[in-house]
Protein backbone atom coordinates (compact mmCIF):
# COMPACT_ATOMS: atom_id res chain seq x y z
CA MET A 1 0.20 0.08 0.12
CA CYS A 2 3.17 2.47 0.18
CA TRP A 3 2.86 2.96 -3.19
CA TYR A 4 -0.96 4.07 -3.04
CA VAL A 5 0.18 6.54 -0.16
CA CYS A 6 3.21 7.44 -2.36
CA VAL A 7 0.90 8.27 -5.76
CA CYS A 8 -1.77 10.12 -3.54
CA HIS A 9 -0.01 11.87 -1.15
CA VAL A 10 2.47 13.29 -3.86
CA PHE A 11 1.52 13.37 -7.41
CA LEU A 12 -2.79 14.48 -6.68
CA PRO A 13 -1.83 17.25 -4.52
CA GLN A 14 1.20 18.49 -5.81
CA GLY A 15 2.10 17.45 -9.21
CA TYR A 16 -0.95 18.33 -11.01
CA PRO A 17 -1.63 21.73 -9.13
CA CYS A 18 1.93 22.91 -9.76
CA ALA A 19 1.52 22.03 -13.33
CA LEU A 20 -1.86 24.19 -13.34
CA VAL A 21 -0.20 26.66 -11.42
CA TYR A 22 2.37 26.92 -13.86
CA ARG A 23 0.21 27.24 -16.59
CA ARG A 24 -1.90 30.11 -15.54
CA PHE A 25 0.84 32.17 -13.73
CA PHE A 26 4.25 31.32 -14.85
CA PHE A 27 3.98 30.43 -18.42
CA HIS A 28 4.55 33.55 -19.88
CA GLN A 29 7.48 34.34 -17.19
CA PRO A 30 10.64 35.39 -17.70
CA ALA A 31 13.35 31.76 -17.61
CA THR A 32 14.77 32.46 -14.50
CA VAL A 33 11.56 32.87 -12.58
CA ILE A 34 10.24 29.44 -14.25
CA HIS A 35 13.64 27.78 -13.27
CA LEU A 36 12.51 29.37 -9.73
CA PHE A 37 8.99 27.73 -9.18
CA HIS A 38 10.74 24.54 -10.57
CA THR A 39 13.15 24.51 -8.34
CA PHE A 40 11.12 25.68 -5.08
CA SER A 41 8.03 23.19 -6.24
CA GLY A 42 10.24 20.20 -6.62
CA LEU A 43 12.30 20.67 -3.19
CA ALA A 44 8.96 21.22 -1.39
CA LEU A 45 7.92 17.83 -2.94
CA ALA A 46 11.12 16.40 -1.52
CA ALA A 47 11.22 18.07 1.57
CA PHE A 48 7.53 16.41 2.12
CA ASN A 49 8.60 13.02 1.45
CA PHE A 50 12.13 12.94 2.59
CA GLY A 51 12.65 16.02 5.22
CA SER A 52 15.50 16.88 5.74
CA GLN A 53 17.41 13.59 3.64
CA LEU A 54 16.66 16.30 0.43
CA TYR A 55 20.26 17.33 1.17
CA HIS A 56 21.32 14.24 -0.84
CA SER A 57 20.11 15.72 -4.07
CA ALA A 58 21.41 19.01 -3.50
CA VAL A 59 25.04 17.75 -3.35
CA CYS A 60 24.63 15.76 -6.29
CA ILE A 61 23.20 18.64 -8.33
CA LEU A 62 26.03 20.96 -7.36
CA VAL A 63 28.80 18.71 -7.53
CA GLN A 64 27.07 17.51 -11.45
CA PHE A 65 27.01 21.76 -11.70
CA LEU A 66 30.65 21.84 -11.02
CA MET A 67 31.84 19.16 -13.29
CA LEU A 68 30.22 20.74 -16.33
CA ARG A 69 31.87 24.12 -15.17
CA LEU A 70 35.14 23.11 -14.27
CA MET A 71 35.96 20.24 -16.33
CA GLY A 72 34.27 20.99 -19.83
CA ARG A 73 33.18 19.14 -22.68
CA THR A 74 35.70 16.11 -22.15
CA VAL A 75 35.48 12.23 -21.46
CA THR A 76 36.93 12.88 -18.29
CA THR A 77 33.63 14.88 -17.37
CA VAL A 78 31.25 12.09 -18.62
CA LEU A 79 33.54 9.35 -16.67
CA SER A 80 33.65 11.59 -13.24
CA SER A 81 29.89 12.29 -13.68
CA PHE A 82 29.30 8.43 -13.89
CA THR A 83 31.72 7.06 -11.33
CA PHE A 84 30.71 10.07 -8.46
CA GLN A 85 26.86 9.85 -9.00
CA MET A 86 27.00 5.93 -9.33
CA LEU A 87 28.78 5.79 -6.16
CA TYR A 88 26.80 7.90 -4.04
CA LEU A 89 23.59 6.10 -5.46
CA LEU A 90 25.25 2.83 -4.67
CA ALA A 91 26.22 4.31 -1.11
CA GLY A 92 22.84 5.27 -0.59
CA TYR A 93 21.43 1.71 -1.19
CA TYR A 94 24.36 0.13 1.03
CA TYR A 95 23.46 2.41 3.96
CA THR A 96 19.77 2.43 3.63
CA ALA A 97 18.42 -0.96 2.39
CA THR A 98 16.43 -3.27 4.07
CA GLU A 99 14.85 -6.44 2.99
CA GLU A 100 11.40 -4.25 2.24
CA TYR A 101 10.76 -2.04 -0.66
CA ASP A 102 11.29 1.29 1.07
CA ILE A 103 10.03 4.64 0.42
CA LYS A 104 13.42 6.69 1.18
CA TRP A 105 15.33 9.24 -0.17
CA THR A 106 16.98 6.92 -2.68
CA MET A 107 13.69 6.12 -4.84
CA PRO A 108 13.92 9.54 -6.39
CA HIS A 109 18.01 9.72 -6.21
CA CYS A 110 17.90 6.78 -8.93
CA VAL A 111 15.91 8.68 -11.04
CA LEU A 112 17.87 11.98 -10.61
CA MET A 113 21.20 10.17 -11.30
CA LEU A 114 20.24 9.09 -14.69
CA LYS A 115 19.29 12.70 -15.19
CA LEU A 116 22.65 13.82 -13.99
CA VAL A 117 24.84 11.36 -15.73
CA GLY A 118 22.57 12.06 -19.00
CA LEU A 119 23.12 15.41 -18.66
CA SER A 120 27.01 14.93 -18.67
CA PHE A 121 26.63 13.21 -21.71
CA ASP A 122 24.90 15.33 -23.73
CA TYR A 123 26.79 18.55 -22.57
CA TYR A 124 30.12 16.24 -24.13
CA ASP A 125 28.04 15.66 -26.91
CA GLY A 126 27.76 19.71 -27.77
CA GLY A 127 31.32 19.99 -28.44
CA LYS A 128 31.39 17.62 -31.20
CA GLU A 129 30.84 17.81 -35.28
CA PRO A 130 27.03 17.13 -36.25
CA SER A 131 28.48 14.73 -38.60
CA GLN A 132 29.77 12.75 -35.08
CA LEU A 133 26.32 12.69 -33.68
CA SER A 134 23.21 10.43 -34.14
CA SER A 135 20.01 12.26 -34.38
CA GLU A 136 19.15 11.88 -31.09
CA GLN A 137 22.12 13.23 -29.56
CA LYS A 138 21.53 16.01 -31.90
CA THR A 139 18.49 16.70 -30.63
CA ALA A 140 19.63 15.94 -27.07
CA ALA A 141 22.98 18.07 -27.54
CA LEU A 142 23.52 21.18 -25.28
CA PRO A 143 25.28 24.43 -27.27
CA SER A 144 26.68 25.80 -23.88
CA VAL A 145 26.88 24.84 -20.27
CA PRO A 146 23.69 25.06 -18.37
CA SER A 147 23.18 27.92 -14.97
CA LEU A 148 23.00 26.13 -11.67
CA LEU A 149 19.68 27.39 -11.64
CA GLU A 150 18.71 25.77 -14.86
CA VAL A 151 20.38 22.42 -13.58
CA CYS A 152 18.29 22.95 -10.30
CA GLY A 153 15.26 23.41 -12.35
CA PHE A 154 15.82 20.65 -14.71
CA SER A 155 16.39 17.89 -11.36
CA TYR A 156 13.29 19.13 -9.46
CA PHE A 157 11.03 19.51 -11.96
CA TYR A 158 8.02 18.17 -10.26
CA GLY A 159 6.78 16.06 -13.22
CA GLY A 160 9.79 13.87 -13.20
CA PHE A 161 11.40 13.97 -9.85
CA LEU A 162 10.28 10.80 -7.64
CA VAL A 163 9.86 8.42 -10.05
CA GLY A 164 10.10 9.71 -13.71
CA PRO A 165 10.03 10.38 -16.68
CA GLN A 166 13.55 10.57 -18.05
CA PHE A 167 13.50 13.61 -20.30
CA THR A 168 16.69 15.67 -21.49
CA LEU A 169 17.79 19.07 -20.20
CA ARG A 170 16.97 20.22 -24.22
CA SER A 171 13.53 18.88 -23.68
CA TYR A 172 13.36 21.19 -20.57
CA GLN A 173 14.59 24.00 -21.96
CA ARG A 174 11.74 24.08 -24.77
CA LEU A 175 9.36 23.94 -21.99
CA VAL A 176 10.94 26.69 -20.07
CA ALA A 177 10.82 28.92 -23.56
CA GLY A 178 7.39 27.90 -24.08
CA GLU A 179 8.16 26.01 -27.17
CA LEU A 180 6.31 23.11 -26.15
CA THR A 181 2.58 23.77 -26.93
CA ASP A 182 0.46 23.15 -29.66
CA CYS A 183 -0.78 27.03 -30.12
CA PRO A 184 2.26 29.08 -30.04
CA GLY A 185 2.61 31.73 -27.46
CA LYS A 186 0.06 30.22 -25.32
CA PRO A 187 -0.33 27.43 -22.67
CA PRO A 188 -0.85 23.75 -24.71
CA ASN A 189 -4.69 22.75 -24.94
CA SER A 190 -3.21 19.43 -22.69
CA VAL A 191 -6.01 19.46 -20.26
CA VAL A 192 -8.00 16.82 -21.92
CA PRO A 193 -5.12 14.86 -22.64
CA ALA A 194 -3.75 14.89 -19.23
CA MET A 195 -6.78 13.81 -17.65
CA LYS A 196 -7.15 10.51 -19.72
CA ARG A 197 -3.85 9.66 -18.79
CA PHE A 198 -5.07 10.43 -15.38
CA ALA A 199 -7.87 8.80 -15.62
CA LEU A 200 -6.13 5.98 -16.65
CA GLY A 201 -3.45 5.49 -14.35
CA PHE A 202 -6.36 6.07 -11.29
CA VAL A 203 -8.22 2.86 -13.04
CA CYS A 204 -4.56 0.93 -13.02
CA LEU A 205 -4.28 2.62 -9.23
CA VAL A 206 -7.50 0.99 -8.19
CA ILE A 207 -6.68 -2.30 -9.87
CA TYR A 208 -3.50 -2.61 -7.69
CA THR A 209 -5.17 -1.40 -4.44
CA ILE A 210 -8.01 -3.97 -5.00
CA PHE A 211 -6.26 -7.00 -5.69
CA SER A 212 -2.82 -6.43 -3.86
CA PRO A 213 -4.33 -8.04 -0.90
CA TYR A 214 -5.01 -11.10 -2.22
CA TYR A 215 -1.68 -11.33 -3.76
CA PRO A 216 0.96 -10.24 -1.41
CA ASP A 217 4.67 -11.00 -1.65
CA SER A 218 4.83 -12.30 2.05
CA TYR A 219 2.29 -15.05 0.92
CA TYR A 220 5.41 -16.70 -0.81
CA LEU A 221 7.23 -17.36 2.47
CA THR A 222 4.18 -19.09 4.23
CA ASP A 223 3.71 -22.45 4.90
CA GLU A 224 0.07 -22.48 3.19
CA TYR A 225 1.91 -21.38 -0.36
CA GLU A 226 4.47 -24.05 0.28
CA ALA A 227 1.59 -26.63 1.01
CA GLN A 228 -0.39 -25.67 -2.59
CA PRO A 229 -0.32 -28.22 -5.33
CA PHE A 230 2.49 -27.22 -7.67
CA TRP A 231 -0.22 -26.00 -10.51
CA TYR A 232 -1.78 -23.56 -7.56
CA ARG A 233 1.72 -21.88 -6.93
CA CYS A 234 2.48 -21.20 -10.83
CA VAL A 235 -0.42 -19.86 -11.36
CA PHE A 236 -0.17 -17.75 -8.28
CA ILE A 237 3.16 -16.51 -9.70
CA LEU A 238 1.16 -15.88 -12.93
CA LEU A 239 -1.86 -13.75 -11.04
CA TRP A 240 0.48 -11.79 -8.57
CA ALA A 241 3.01 -10.37 -11.87
CA LYS A 242 -0.23 -9.00 -13.36
CA VAL A 243 -1.37 -7.38 -10.23
CA ILE A 244 1.88 -6.51 -8.75
CA LEU A 245 3.12 -4.49 -12.17
CA TYR A 246 -0.11 -2.47 -11.98
CA LYS A 247 1.17 -0.18 -8.90
CA TYR A 248 4.12 0.36 -11.56
CA VAL A 249 2.01 1.11 -14.77
CA SER A 250 0.00 3.53 -11.88
CA CYS A 251 2.35 5.60 -10.99
CA TRP A 252 4.05 6.15 -14.36
CA VAL A 253 0.71 6.82 -16.34
CA ILE A 254 -0.30 9.44 -13.48
CA ALA A 255 2.98 10.97 -13.46
CA GLU A 256 3.29 11.07 -17.16
CA GLY A 257 -0.41 13.36 -16.85
CA VAL A 258 1.78 15.61 -15.07
CA CYS A 259 4.20 15.92 -17.74
CA ILE A 260 1.63 16.56 -20.49
CA LEU A 261 -0.51 19.19 -18.19
CA SER A 262 2.56 21.17 -18.10
CA GLY A 263 3.54 20.88 -21.77
CA LEU A 264 6.56 18.57 -21.57
CA GLY A 265 4.67 15.76 -22.78
CA TYR A 266 4.14 17.35 -26.28
CA ASN A 267 6.19 15.55 -29.14
CA GLY A 268 4.36 17.79 -32.15
CA VAL A 269 1.94 16.60 -34.99
CA VAL A 270 1.78 13.17 -36.56
CA ASP A 271 -0.77 12.71 -39.48
CA GLY A 272 -2.47 16.10 -38.57
CA LYS A 273 -2.89 15.25 -34.95
CA HIS A 274 -0.89 16.75 -31.72
CA GLN A 275 1.24 14.11 -29.87
CA TRP A 276 1.56 14.02 -26.16
CA ASP A 277 3.40 10.84 -25.75
CA ALA A 278 7.14 12.63 -25.42
CA CYS A 279 7.16 11.52 -21.69
CA ALA A 280 5.12 8.59 -22.02
CA ASN A 281 6.44 5.85 -19.71
CA MET A 282 4.17 2.91 -20.65
CA LYS A 283 2.57 2.08 -23.30
CA VAL A 284 -0.33 0.26 -21.72
CA TRP A 285 -2.31 -1.48 -24.62
CA LEU A 286 0.82 -3.21 -25.80
CA PHE A 287 1.55 -4.17 -22.00
CA GLU A 288 -1.64 -5.40 -21.56
CA THR A 289 -2.13 -7.56 -25.29
CA THR A 290 1.22 -8.56 -26.12
CA PRO A 291 1.97 -12.21 -25.71
CA LEU A 292 5.94 -11.59 -26.29
CA PHE A 293 8.35 -11.23 -23.66
CA GLY A 294 9.79 -8.63 -25.78
CA GLY A 295 6.97 -6.95 -26.33
CA THR A 296 6.55 -6.26 -22.64
CA ILE A 297 9.81 -4.80 -22.25
CA ALA A 298 9.27 -2.46 -24.83
CA SER A 299 6.19 -1.36 -23.03
CA PHE A 300 7.85 -1.02 -19.92
CA ASN A 301 9.53 2.13 -18.48
CA ILE A 302 10.38 2.98 -22.07
CA ASN A 303 12.37 6.43 -21.04
CA THR A 304 14.32 4.51 -18.38
CA ASN A 305 15.11 1.76 -21.20
CA ALA A 306 15.91 4.52 -24.13
CA TRP A 307 18.19 6.22 -21.35
CA ALA A 308 20.15 3.11 -20.89
CA ALA A 309 19.89 2.44 -24.83
CA ARG A 310 21.22 5.75 -25.68
CA HIS A 311 23.90 6.57 -23.10
CA VAL A 312 25.21 2.55 -22.46
CA PHE A 313 24.16 0.07 -25.17
CA LYS A 314 24.78 2.42 -28.35
CA ARG A 315 27.71 4.32 -26.77
CA LEU A 316 29.04 0.89 -26.31
CA LYS A 317 29.31 0.24 -30.28
CA PHE A 318 33.21 0.54 -30.28
CA VAL A 319 33.08 -3.03 -28.84
CA GLY A 320 31.76 -4.39 -31.85
CA ASN A 321 29.70 -6.89 -29.99
CA LYS A 322 26.10 -6.32 -29.63
CA THR A 323 25.79 -9.21 -27.24
CA LEU A 324 28.56 -7.91 -25.08
CA SER A 325 26.46 -4.52 -25.39
CA HIS A 326 23.53 -5.76 -24.04
CA VAL A 327 24.77 -7.91 -21.22
CA THR A 328 26.89 -4.63 -20.17
CA THR A 329 23.65 -2.61 -20.09
CA LEU A 330 21.73 -5.02 -18.24
CA PHE A 331 24.66 -5.03 -15.71
CA PHE A 332 24.04 -1.41 -15.44
CA LEU A 333 20.66 -1.66 -15.10
CA THR A 334 21.20 -4.40 -12.06
CA ILE A 335 23.08 -2.03 -9.91
CA TRP A 336 21.17 0.61 -10.70
CA HIS A 337 18.00 -0.71 -9.08
CA GLY A 338 20.17 -1.71 -6.19
CA LEU A 339 22.50 -4.26 -4.58
CA HIS A 340 20.49 -7.17 -3.64
CA SER A 341 20.72 -10.21 -5.10
CA GLY A 342 17.84 -10.53 -6.47
CA TYR A 343 18.15 -8.13 -9.02
CA ILE A 344 21.00 -9.95 -10.28
CA LEU A 345 18.95 -13.11 -10.76
CA CYS A 346 16.23 -11.13 -12.43
CA PHE A 347 18.25 -9.76 -15.05
CA SER A 348 20.27 -12.69 -15.91
CA MET A 349 16.77 -14.30 -16.26
CA GLU A 350 15.49 -11.62 -18.39
CA PHE A 351 18.38 -11.82 -20.75
CA PHE A 352 18.12 -15.55 -21.14
CA ILE A 353 14.36 -15.44 -21.47
CA ILE A 354 14.74 -12.72 -24.63
CA THR A 355 17.66 -14.71 -26.42
CA VAL A 356 15.33 -17.95 -26.27
CA GLU A 357 12.28 -15.83 -27.37
CA ARG A 358 14.41 -14.68 -30.20
CA GLN A 359 15.45 -17.76 -31.28
CA ALA A 360 11.99 -19.01 -31.25
CA LEU A 361 10.30 -16.18 -33.46
CA ALA A 362 13.18 -16.86 -35.81
CA LEU A 363 12.47 -20.72 -35.88
CA VAL A 364 8.54 -19.43 -36.33
CA ARG A 365 9.82 -17.10 -39.43
CA ASP A 366 11.81 -19.39 -40.93
CA SER A 367 9.83 -22.56 -40.66
CA PRO A 368 7.02 -22.67 -43.55
CA LEU A 369 5.01 -25.15 -41.03
CA LEU A 370 5.13 -23.20 -38.38
CA THR A 371 4.55 -19.83 -40.13
CA LYS A 372 1.18 -21.35 -41.72
CA LEU A 373 0.29 -22.46 -38.40
CA ALA A 374 0.92 -19.26 -36.46
CA ASN A 375 -1.29 -17.70 -39.31
CA SER A 376 -4.25 -20.19 -39.22
CA ALA A 377 -7.79 -20.53 -37.48
CA LEU A 378 -5.76 -22.07 -34.38
CA TYR A 379 -4.01 -18.78 -33.58
CA PRO A 380 -6.44 -17.89 -31.06
CA LEU A 381 -5.79 -20.74 -29.10
CA ILE A 382 -2.41 -20.03 -29.77
CA TYR A 383 -2.43 -16.56 -28.33
CA VAL A 384 -4.13 -18.06 -25.36
CA VAL A 385 -1.17 -20.55 -24.53
CA GLN A 386 1.44 -18.22 -25.46
CA GLN A 387 -0.11 -15.72 -23.06
CA PHE A 388 -0.02 -17.85 -20.37
CA ILE A 389 3.30 -19.07 -20.96
CA HIS A 390 4.37 -15.63 -20.97
CA TRP A 391 2.75 -14.28 -17.64
CA LEU A 392 3.50 -17.31 -15.71
CA PHE A 393 7.42 -16.96 -16.78
CA MET A 394 7.27 -13.30 -17.06
CA GLY A 395 6.29 -13.54 -13.33
CA TYR A 396 8.97 -16.08 -12.55
CA PRO A 397 11.92 -13.64 -12.66
CA LEU A 398 10.00 -10.75 -10.90
CA VAL A 399 10.07 -13.18 -7.51
CA PRO A 400 13.64 -12.45 -6.99
CA PHE A 401 13.28 -8.74 -7.99
CA CYS A 402 10.61 -8.33 -5.39
CA LEU A 403 11.82 -10.50 -2.68
CA PHE A 404 15.64 -8.96 -2.96
CA THR A 405 17.31 -11.35 -0.73
CA TYR A 406 18.97 -15.26 -1.24
CA ASP A 407 16.96 -16.75 1.28
CA LYS A 408 13.70 -15.78 0.32
CA TRP A 409 13.64 -16.16 -3.93
CA LEU A 410 15.21 -19.71 -3.44
CA LYS A 411 12.76 -20.89 -1.30
CA VAL A 412 10.59 -19.99 -3.58
CA TYR A 413 11.94 -21.30 -6.86
CA SER A 414 12.73 -24.45 -4.91
CA SER A 415 8.87 -24.55 -4.04
CA VAL A 416 8.28 -24.50 -8.08
CA TYR A 417 11.27 -26.93 -8.88
CA PHE A 418 13.26 -23.94 -11.00
CA CYS A 419 10.56 -24.65 -13.12
CA GLY A 420 11.51 -21.32 -15.61
CA HIS A 421 15.03 -22.03 -15.57
CA VAL A 422 14.56 -25.75 -16.76
CA PHE A 423 11.58 -24.40 -19.34
CA PHE A 424 14.17 -22.19 -20.66
CA LEU A 425 17.45 -24.27 -20.92
CA VAL A 426 15.25 -27.28 -22.16
CA ALA A 427 14.24 -24.79 -24.88
CA PHE A 428 17.52 -23.29 -25.44
CA LEU A 429 18.90 -26.62 -25.74
CA ILE A 430 16.39 -28.50 -28.48
CA MET A 431 16.15 -25.33 -30.49
CA PRO A 432 18.91 -25.87 -33.24
CA TYR A 433 17.46 -29.28 -33.18
CA LEU A 434 13.92 -28.16 -34.01
CA ARG A 435 15.69 -25.79 -36.40
CA LYS A 436 17.18 -28.50 -37.98
CA ALA A 437 14.12 -30.29 -38.16
CA LEU A 438 11.12 -27.40 -39.24
CA VAL A 439 13.04 -24.99 -41.25
CA PRO A 440 14.30 -26.24 -45.01
CA LYS A 441 17.76 -26.63 -45.63
CA LYS A 442 17.97 -23.69 -48.03
CA GLU A 443 16.50 -21.09 -45.89
CA ARG A 444 19.68 -22.42 -43.12
CA SER A 445 21.92 -22.37 -45.97
CA GLN A 446 20.99 -18.75 -46.36
CA LYS A 447 20.93 -17.77 -43.03
CA LYS A 448 24.42 -18.99 -42.44
CA GLU A 449 25.75 -17.03 -45.20
CA GLU A 450 24.17 -13.93 -43.48
């Protein structure tokens, strides 16, 4: 229930009213005034939730600003920023972590850490020739060093301070300049889109609030759970995963509504329609309907995944190995979440599952028989079975993610006989034989040549 309290006590009384105040009184004000408003409203948010511990964010913001000012557009700045901000976050985890999910200063600080490290990358990119940058790097690159007040407004912006989403300083600068609007010179017509996201987030919050008491994490550790039949334990994991993820969905969608209301969510015009998805952290329809593990990942925590792809995965292009870049990115996300062993197991299992799924999709694509079957009248039945497997084994790596410690997740995995590990290991081992049996020799030869 702590997430319910967090959303109700933070975003409802503060995020949306702050956005409304900004639209009504500050939209036409000078940049300095807007930065001050965003800084003090964010500081109030931090003080309300974490009291004097807000100094942690202030220290990191000040250090980051000094690095940009004193060290310039250098690789040293980027590496120093990454090292300092990451170590500060990990030290926070080390000194504050318990065996429960805690709402404390480290929760918004992990969001802030990405913002500040991303800021150093964008400042560094601003010193390169445009021809050396990708299109997304050109969009985010900073032409000059920001002021301390600007960095504070960007860091404490009430729409993304607590749980995200991630956005660049260039996007924030465009917001302050009044450029993120569908009617130039006036506040954006974003009230209706914002309220739609709020309503959707509130529905998800209600679902979580109603059903989460029936699927608590603590039930995994009871004798009652261990005494249930094997099929029941597996189905419980499936339903628990579906319910538990709504707490994240609700927070992110409600936070997105704040960004839309302020204008930060404006994303230009597509096919004659104004888009408000620049800060979208969830693709709820895809999340609910995809039968693929990759689809769920693509629909979930979008901005954090995009940050990791832009600043870790793609920047490792010089390594020349996509698998190694992928593993490194997942390792970064693992320690970014915390120091518990459950995070390591969760992300390593995610990598294994995605690897097997990609092999399976390639098998279906290259096999005429499986392609025909997938496009036949049997697909609705296939979809149901696929969704069952999808959500059962989507919940499987979430168990250590939510239970954190070795003794807890090992007990649960033992009770279900490590079925997820066994299932995907067997699938991985037999995939070459299935490919040999179901894919014509000509197709296999073409793939080897590619």
